[in-house]
């Protein structure tokens, strides 16, 4: 998240504040995505272009379900929390405020954490 002065900051998990690792990419459906896990059990997805968040959300939800697409489809909104972080610039590994406007070249993260009562 951007710092209090509006300057760029290293990305951190919106659930616990832990640092987010630099994305490692894989390609899917015309976009580049990233999956990782945070120590707070949030799953982190990444959209390199910031315009394929739906696909990144789906891939991250499936990852949170251990790769089980049927389980991911069976979940309801009450079963997980989603947070987004846009304005990411991979060359600097920073979140830059105001850089999420179209054409800015900013990427985005999606964070998913399953409800505590799910196995």
N, C-alpha and C. Protein backbone atom coordinates (compact mmCIF):
# COMPACT_ATOMS: atom_id res chain seq x y z
N UNK A 1 0.84 -1.19 0.00
CA UNK A 1 0.00 0.00 0.00
C UNK A 1 0.88 1.25 0.00
N UNK A 2 0.40 2.31 -0.62
CA UNK A 2 1.17 3.54 -0.60
C UNK A 2 1.34 4.07 0.82
N UNK A 3 2.44 4.71 1.07
CA UNK A 3 2.70 5.27 2.38
C UNK A 3 1.79 6.46 2.67
N UNK A 4 1.79 6.96 3.91
CA UNK A 4 0.89 8.04 4.30
C UNK A 4 1.16 9.34 3.57
N UNK A 5 2.34 9.52 3.02
CA UNK A 5 2.65 10.77 2.33
C UNK A 5 2.28 10.71 0.85
N UNK A 6 1.76 9.55 0.40
CA UNK A 6 1.41 9.42 -1.01
C UNK A 6 2.56 8.93 -1.86
N UNK A 7 3.69 8.64 -1.27
CA UNK A 7 4.84 8.12 -2.00
C UNK A 7 4.65 6.64 -2.27
N UNK A 8 5.46 6.13 -3.17
CA UNK A 8 5.38 4.71 -3.47
C UNK A 8 5.89 3.90 -2.27
N UNK A 9 5.42 2.66 -2.20
CA UNK A 9 5.81 1.77 -1.11
C UNK A 9 5.90 0.35 -1.64
N UNK A 10 6.65 -0.49 -0.95
CA UNK A 10 6.70 -1.90 -1.30
C UNK A 10 5.33 -2.50 -1.03
N UNK A 11 4.88 -3.43 -1.87
CA UNK A 11 3.57 -4.03 -1.65
C UNK A 11 3.55 -4.90 -0.40
N UNK A 12 2.43 -4.85 0.31
CA UNK A 12 2.26 -5.66 1.51
C UNK A 12 0.86 -6.26 1.52
N UNK A 13 0.72 -7.37 2.21
CA UNK A 13 -0.55 -8.07 2.29
C UNK A 13 -1.58 -7.19 3.00
N UNK A 14 -2.75 -7.00 2.40
CA UNK A 14 -3.78 -6.17 3.04
C UNK A 14 -4.42 -6.85 4.25
N UNK A 15 -4.20 -8.14 4.43
CA UNK A 15 -4.76 -8.85 5.58
C UNK A 15 -3.85 -8.78 6.80
N UNK A 16 -2.52 -8.87 6.59
CA UNK A 16 -1.61 -8.93 7.74
C UNK A 16 -0.44 -7.95 7.67
N UNK A 17 -0.19 -7.34 6.52
CA UNK A 17 0.90 -6.39 6.39
C UNK A 17 2.24 -6.99 6.02
N UNK A 18 2.31 -8.31 5.84
CA UNK A 18 3.57 -8.95 5.47
C UNK A 18 3.99 -8.52 4.07
N UNK A 19 5.29 -8.47 3.80
CA UNK A 19 5.75 -8.11 2.45
C UNK A 19 5.26 -9.10 1.40
N UNK A 20 4.94 -8.59 0.24
CA UNK A 20 4.52 -9.42 -0.90
C UNK A 20 5.75 -9.68 -1.75
N UNK A 21 5.99 -10.95 -2.09
CA UNK A 21 7.17 -11.25 -2.91
C UNK A 21 7.03 -10.71 -4.33
N UNK A 22 8.15 -10.48 -4.96
CA UNK A 22 8.15 -10.08 -6.37
C UNK A 22 7.50 -11.20 -7.16
N UNK A 23 6.56 -10.88 -8.06
CA UNK A 23 5.84 -11.92 -8.81
C UNK A 23 6.74 -12.77 -9.70
N UNK A 24 6.42 -14.05 -9.74
CA UNK A 24 6.97 -15.00 -10.69
C UNK A 24 5.80 -15.35 -11.61
N UNK A 25 5.97 -15.25 -12.90
CA UNK A 25 4.84 -15.31 -13.81
C UNK A 25 4.61 -16.66 -14.45
N UNK A 26 3.35 -16.87 -14.83
CA UNK A 26 2.98 -17.93 -15.75
C UNK A 26 1.90 -17.35 -16.64
N UNK A 27 1.79 -17.83 -17.87
CA UNK A 27 0.83 -17.29 -18.83
C UNK A 27 -0.41 -18.16 -18.87
N UNK A 28 -1.56 -17.51 -19.02
CA UNK A 28 -2.84 -18.20 -19.11
C UNK A 28 -3.84 -17.27 -19.77
N UNK A 29 -4.58 -17.76 -20.72
CA UNK A 29 -5.67 -17.03 -21.36
C UNK A 29 -5.27 -15.63 -21.79
N UNK A 30 -4.11 -15.49 -22.40
CA UNK A 30 -3.71 -14.20 -22.93
C UNK A 30 -3.15 -13.23 -21.92
N UNK A 31 -3.02 -13.64 -20.65
CA UNK A 31 -2.49 -12.75 -19.63
C UNK A 31 -1.36 -13.42 -18.89
N UNK A 32 -0.64 -12.65 -18.10
CA UNK A 32 0.40 -13.21 -17.25
C UNK A 32 -0.08 -13.13 -15.82
N UNK A 33 0.04 -14.23 -15.10
CA UNK A 33 -0.46 -14.31 -13.74
C UNK A 33 0.61 -14.82 -12.79
N UNK A 34 0.35 -14.69 -11.54
CA UNK A 34 1.29 -15.09 -10.49
C UNK A 34 0.47 -15.66 -9.35
N UNK A 35 0.98 -16.68 -8.71
CA UNK A 35 0.33 -17.20 -7.52
C UNK A 35 1.38 -17.37 -6.44
N UNK A 36 1.04 -16.98 -5.23
CA UNK A 36 1.90 -17.16 -4.07
C UNK A 36 1.01 -17.24 -2.85
N UNK A 37 1.58 -17.57 -1.72
CA UNK A 37 0.83 -17.62 -0.47
C UNK A 37 1.53 -16.75 0.56
N UNK A 38 0.74 -16.12 1.40
CA UNK A 38 1.26 -15.29 2.48
C UNK A 38 1.28 -16.14 3.76
N UNK A 39 2.05 -15.72 4.73
CA UNK A 39 2.11 -16.44 6.00
C UNK A 39 0.78 -16.42 6.75
N UNK A 40 -0.12 -15.48 6.42
CA UNK A 40 -1.43 -15.41 7.07
C UNK A 40 -2.46 -16.29 6.36
N UNK A 41 -2.01 -17.10 5.42
CA UNK A 41 -2.83 -18.03 4.65
C UNK A 41 -3.66 -17.36 3.56
N UNK A 42 -3.31 -16.12 3.23
CA UNK A 42 -3.92 -15.47 2.07
C UNK A 42 -3.18 -15.96 0.83
N UNK A 43 -3.90 -16.11 -0.26
CA UNK A 43 -3.30 -16.46 -1.53
C UNK A 43 -3.20 -15.21 -2.36
N UNK A 44 -2.10 -15.07 -3.07
CA UNK A 44 -1.80 -13.84 -3.81
C UNK A 44 -1.77 -14.16 -5.29
N UNK A 45 -2.57 -13.43 -6.05
CA UNK A 45 -2.55 -13.52 -7.50
C UNK A 45 -2.06 -12.21 -8.07
N UNK A 46 -1.67 -12.23 -9.32
CA UNK A 46 -1.08 -11.05 -9.93
C UNK A 46 -1.49 -10.98 -11.39
N UNK A 47 -1.89 -9.82 -11.83
CA UNK A 47 -2.22 -9.57 -13.23
C UNK A 47 -1.23 -8.54 -13.75
N UNK A 48 -0.37 -8.94 -14.66
CA UNK A 48 0.71 -8.08 -15.14
C UNK A 48 0.22 -6.86 -15.90
N UNK A 49 -0.98 -6.92 -16.45
CA UNK A 49 -1.48 -5.79 -17.24
C UNK A 49 -2.59 -5.02 -16.53
N UNK A 50 -3.10 -5.54 -15.43
CA UNK A 50 -4.12 -4.84 -14.66
C UNK A 50 -5.49 -4.85 -15.29
N UNK A 51 -5.68 -5.62 -16.36
CA UNK A 51 -6.98 -5.66 -17.02
C UNK A 51 -7.58 -7.06 -17.07
N UNK A 52 -6.91 -8.02 -16.47
CA UNK A 52 -7.41 -9.40 -16.44
C UNK A 52 -7.64 -9.85 -15.00
N UNK A 53 -8.19 -8.97 -14.17
CA UNK A 53 -8.36 -9.29 -12.76
C UNK A 53 -9.35 -10.43 -12.54
N UNK A 54 -10.34 -10.57 -13.40
CA UNK A 54 -11.29 -11.68 -13.26
C UNK A 54 -10.59 -13.02 -13.38
N UNK A 55 -9.73 -13.14 -14.38
CA UNK A 55 -8.98 -14.38 -14.57
C UNK A 55 -7.99 -14.58 -13.43
N UNK A 56 -7.34 -13.52 -12.98
CA UNK A 56 -6.40 -13.63 -11.87
C UNK A 56 -7.15 -14.02 -10.59
N UNK A 57 -8.34 -13.47 -10.39
CA UNK A 57 -9.16 -13.83 -9.23
C UNK A 57 -9.49 -15.31 -9.26
N UNK A 58 -9.93 -15.80 -10.42
CA UNK A 58 -10.29 -17.21 -10.54
C UNK A 58 -9.08 -18.10 -10.26
N UNK A 59 -7.95 -17.81 -10.88
CA UNK A 59 -6.75 -18.63 -10.69
C UNK A 59 -6.31 -18.62 -9.23
N UNK A 60 -6.45 -17.50 -8.55
CA UNK A 60 -6.06 -17.40 -7.16
C UNK A 60 -7.03 -18.18 -6.27
N UNK A 61 -8.31 -18.11 -6.59
CA UNK A 61 -9.31 -18.86 -5.83
C UNK A 61 -9.08 -20.37 -5.98
N UNK A 62 -8.79 -20.80 -7.19
CA UNK A 62 -8.49 -22.23 -7.41
C UNK A 62 -7.23 -22.62 -6.63
N UNK A 63 -6.22 -21.77 -6.62
CA UNK A 63 -5.01 -22.06 -5.85
C UNK A 63 -5.33 -22.17 -4.36
N UNK A 64 -6.20 -21.30 -3.86
CA UNK A 64 -6.60 -21.34 -2.45
C UNK A 64 -7.33 -22.63 -2.12
N UNK A 65 -7.94 -23.24 -3.13
CA UNK A 65 -8.66 -24.50 -2.97
C UNK A 65 -7.78 -25.70 -3.32
N UNK A 66 -6.50 -25.52 -3.30
CA UNK A 66 -5.58 -26.60 -3.56
C UNK A 66 -5.61 -27.11 -4.99
N UNK A 67 -6.01 -26.24 -5.92
CA UNK A 67 -6.08 -26.62 -7.34
C UNK A 67 -7.38 -27.29 -7.72
N UNK A 68 -8.32 -27.39 -6.81
CA UNK A 68 -9.60 -28.06 -7.04
C UNK A 68 -10.63 -27.06 -7.59
N UNK A 69 -10.85 -27.09 -8.90
CA UNK A 69 -11.78 -26.15 -9.53
C UNK A 69 -13.22 -26.37 -9.07
N UNK A 70 -13.62 -27.62 -8.86
CA UNK A 70 -14.98 -27.89 -8.39
C UNK A 70 -15.21 -27.28 -7.01
N UNK A 71 -14.24 -27.42 -6.15
CA UNK A 71 -14.37 -26.81 -4.82
C UNK A 71 -14.47 -25.29 -4.94
N UNK A 72 -13.63 -24.69 -5.79
CA UNK A 72 -13.66 -23.24 -5.98
C UNK A 72 -15.03 -22.80 -6.49
N UNK A 73 -15.61 -23.57 -7.40
CA UNK A 73 -16.95 -23.23 -7.92
C UNK A 73 -18.03 -23.35 -6.85
N UNK A 74 -17.82 -24.21 -5.88
CA UNK A 74 -18.84 -24.42 -4.85
C UNK A 74 -18.82 -23.35 -3.76
N UNK A 75 -17.76 -22.56 -3.70
CA UNK A 75 -17.67 -21.54 -2.66
C UNK A 75 -18.64 -20.39 -2.92
N UNK A 76 -19.11 -19.81 -1.84
CA UNK A 76 -19.94 -18.61 -1.91
C UNK A 76 -19.12 -17.42 -1.42
N UNK A 77 -19.60 -16.22 -1.65
CA UNK A 77 -18.85 -15.03 -1.25
C UNK A 77 -18.56 -15.00 0.24
N UNK A 78 -19.42 -15.60 1.05
CA UNK A 78 -19.19 -15.61 2.50
C UNK A 78 -18.04 -16.53 2.89
N UNK A 79 -17.60 -17.39 1.96
CA UNK A 79 -16.55 -18.36 2.25
C UNK A 79 -15.14 -17.81 2.11
N UNK A 80 -14.99 -16.60 1.60
CA UNK A 80 -13.65 -16.04 1.41
C UNK A 80 -13.72 -14.52 1.34
N UNK A 81 -12.57 -13.90 1.60
CA UNK A 81 -12.43 -12.44 1.48
C UNK A 81 -11.51 -12.15 0.31
N UNK A 82 -11.81 -11.09 -0.40
CA UNK A 82 -10.99 -10.67 -1.54
C UNK A 82 -10.55 -9.23 -1.33
N UNK A 83 -9.30 -8.96 -1.62
CA UNK A 83 -8.77 -7.59 -1.62
C UNK A 83 -7.95 -7.41 -2.89
N UNK A 84 -7.97 -6.21 -3.42
CA UNK A 84 -7.20 -5.88 -4.62
C UNK A 84 -6.19 -4.79 -4.29
N UNK A 85 -5.08 -4.80 -5.01
CA UNK A 85 -4.08 -3.75 -4.89
C UNK A 85 -3.59 -3.43 -6.30
N UNK A 86 -3.92 -2.25 -6.78
CA UNK A 86 -3.47 -1.87 -8.11
C UNK A 86 -2.38 -0.82 -8.01
N UNK A 87 -1.88 -0.41 -9.16
CA UNK A 87 -0.80 0.58 -9.17
C UNK A 87 0.57 -0.01 -8.94
N UNK A 88 0.72 -1.32 -9.21
CA UNK A 88 2.00 -1.98 -8.99
C UNK A 88 2.90 -1.82 -10.21
N UNK A 89 4.14 -1.46 -9.96
CA UNK A 89 5.14 -1.33 -11.01
C UNK A 89 6.25 -2.34 -10.75
N UNK A 90 6.27 -3.43 -11.54
CA UNK A 90 7.21 -4.53 -11.28
C UNK A 90 8.68 -4.15 -11.42
N UNK A 91 9.01 -3.21 -12.25
CA UNK A 91 10.42 -2.87 -12.42
C UNK A 91 11.02 -2.30 -11.13
N UNK A 92 10.18 -1.71 -10.29
CA UNK A 92 10.65 -1.15 -9.02
C UNK A 92 10.14 -1.92 -7.82
N UNK A 93 9.23 -2.88 -8.06
CA UNK A 93 8.56 -3.64 -6.99
C UNK A 93 7.96 -2.66 -5.99
N UNK A 94 7.15 -1.73 -6.51
CA UNK A 94 6.53 -0.69 -5.70
C UNK A 94 5.08 -0.49 -6.12
N UNK A 95 4.27 -0.04 -5.17
CA UNK A 95 2.91 0.42 -5.43
C UNK A 95 3.00 1.93 -5.52
N UNK A 96 2.51 2.48 -6.62
CA UNK A 96 2.59 3.93 -6.82
C UNK A 96 1.18 4.52 -6.83
N UNK A 97 0.88 5.44 -5.93
CA UNK A 97 -0.44 6.04 -5.87
C UNK A 97 -0.78 6.77 -7.16
N UNK A 98 -2.04 6.65 -7.57
CA UNK A 98 -2.51 7.35 -8.76
C UNK A 98 -2.04 6.75 -10.06
N UNK A 99 -1.41 5.58 -10.03
CA UNK A 99 -0.88 5.00 -11.26
C UNK A 99 -1.77 3.90 -11.81
N UNK A 100 -2.98 3.79 -11.32
CA UNK A 100 -3.86 2.73 -11.80
C UNK A 100 -4.76 3.19 -12.94
N UNK A 101 -4.58 4.41 -13.40
CA UNK A 101 -5.39 4.88 -14.52
C UNK A 101 -5.00 4.15 -15.81
N UNK A 102 -5.93 4.01 -16.76
CA UNK A 102 -5.62 3.31 -18.01
C UNK A 102 -4.39 3.90 -18.70
N UNK A 103 -3.57 3.01 -19.23
CA UNK A 103 -2.39 3.45 -19.96
C UNK A 103 -1.19 3.73 -19.08
N UNK A 104 -1.33 3.54 -17.78
CA UNK A 104 -0.22 3.85 -16.89
C UNK A 104 0.81 2.72 -16.83
N UNK A 105 0.45 1.56 -17.34
CA UNK A 105 1.36 0.41 -17.29
C UNK A 105 1.36 -0.28 -15.95
N UNK A 106 0.41 0.07 -15.09
CA UNK A 106 0.36 -0.50 -13.75
C UNK A 106 -0.30 -1.87 -13.75
N UNK A 107 0.26 -2.75 -12.96
CA UNK A 107 -0.28 -4.10 -12.79
C UNK A 107 -1.10 -4.12 -11.50
N UNK A 108 -1.62 -5.31 -11.16
CA UNK A 108 -2.46 -5.40 -9.96
C UNK A 108 -2.30 -6.76 -9.29
N UNK A 109 -2.49 -6.76 -7.97
CA UNK A 109 -2.52 -7.98 -7.17
C UNK A 109 -3.95 -8.25 -6.74
N UNK A 110 -4.26 -9.51 -6.55
CA UNK A 110 -5.52 -9.92 -5.92
C UNK A 110 -5.15 -10.84 -4.77
N UNK A 111 -5.79 -10.64 -3.63
CA UNK A 111 -5.54 -11.42 -2.42
C UNK A 111 -6.83 -12.12 -2.03
N UNK A 112 -6.74 -13.41 -1.73
CA UNK A 112 -7.90 -14.18 -1.29
C UNK A 112 -7.52 -14.93 -0.03
N UNK A 113 -8.40 -14.82 0.96
CA UNK A 113 -8.22 -15.60 2.18
C UNK A 113 -9.52 -16.32 2.47
N UNK A 114 -9.42 -17.66 2.55
CA UNK A 114 -10.59 -18.47 2.84
C UNK A 114 -11.05 -18.25 4.27
N UNK A 115 -12.34 -18.44 4.49
CA UNK A 115 -12.91 -18.31 5.82
C UNK A 115 -12.24 -19.31 6.75
N UNK A 116 -12.07 -18.92 8.00
CA UNK A 116 -11.40 -19.78 8.97
C UNK A 116 -12.08 -21.10 9.23
N UNK A 117 -13.38 -21.23 8.93
CA UNK A 117 -14.07 -22.47 9.21
C UNK A 117 -14.08 -23.44 8.03
N UNK A 118 -13.39 -23.08 6.95
CA UNK A 118 -13.28 -24.00 5.81
C UNK A 118 -12.05 -24.88 5.99
N UNK A 119 -12.17 -26.15 5.58
CA UNK A 119 -11.00 -27.04 5.68
C UNK A 119 -9.94 -26.68 4.67
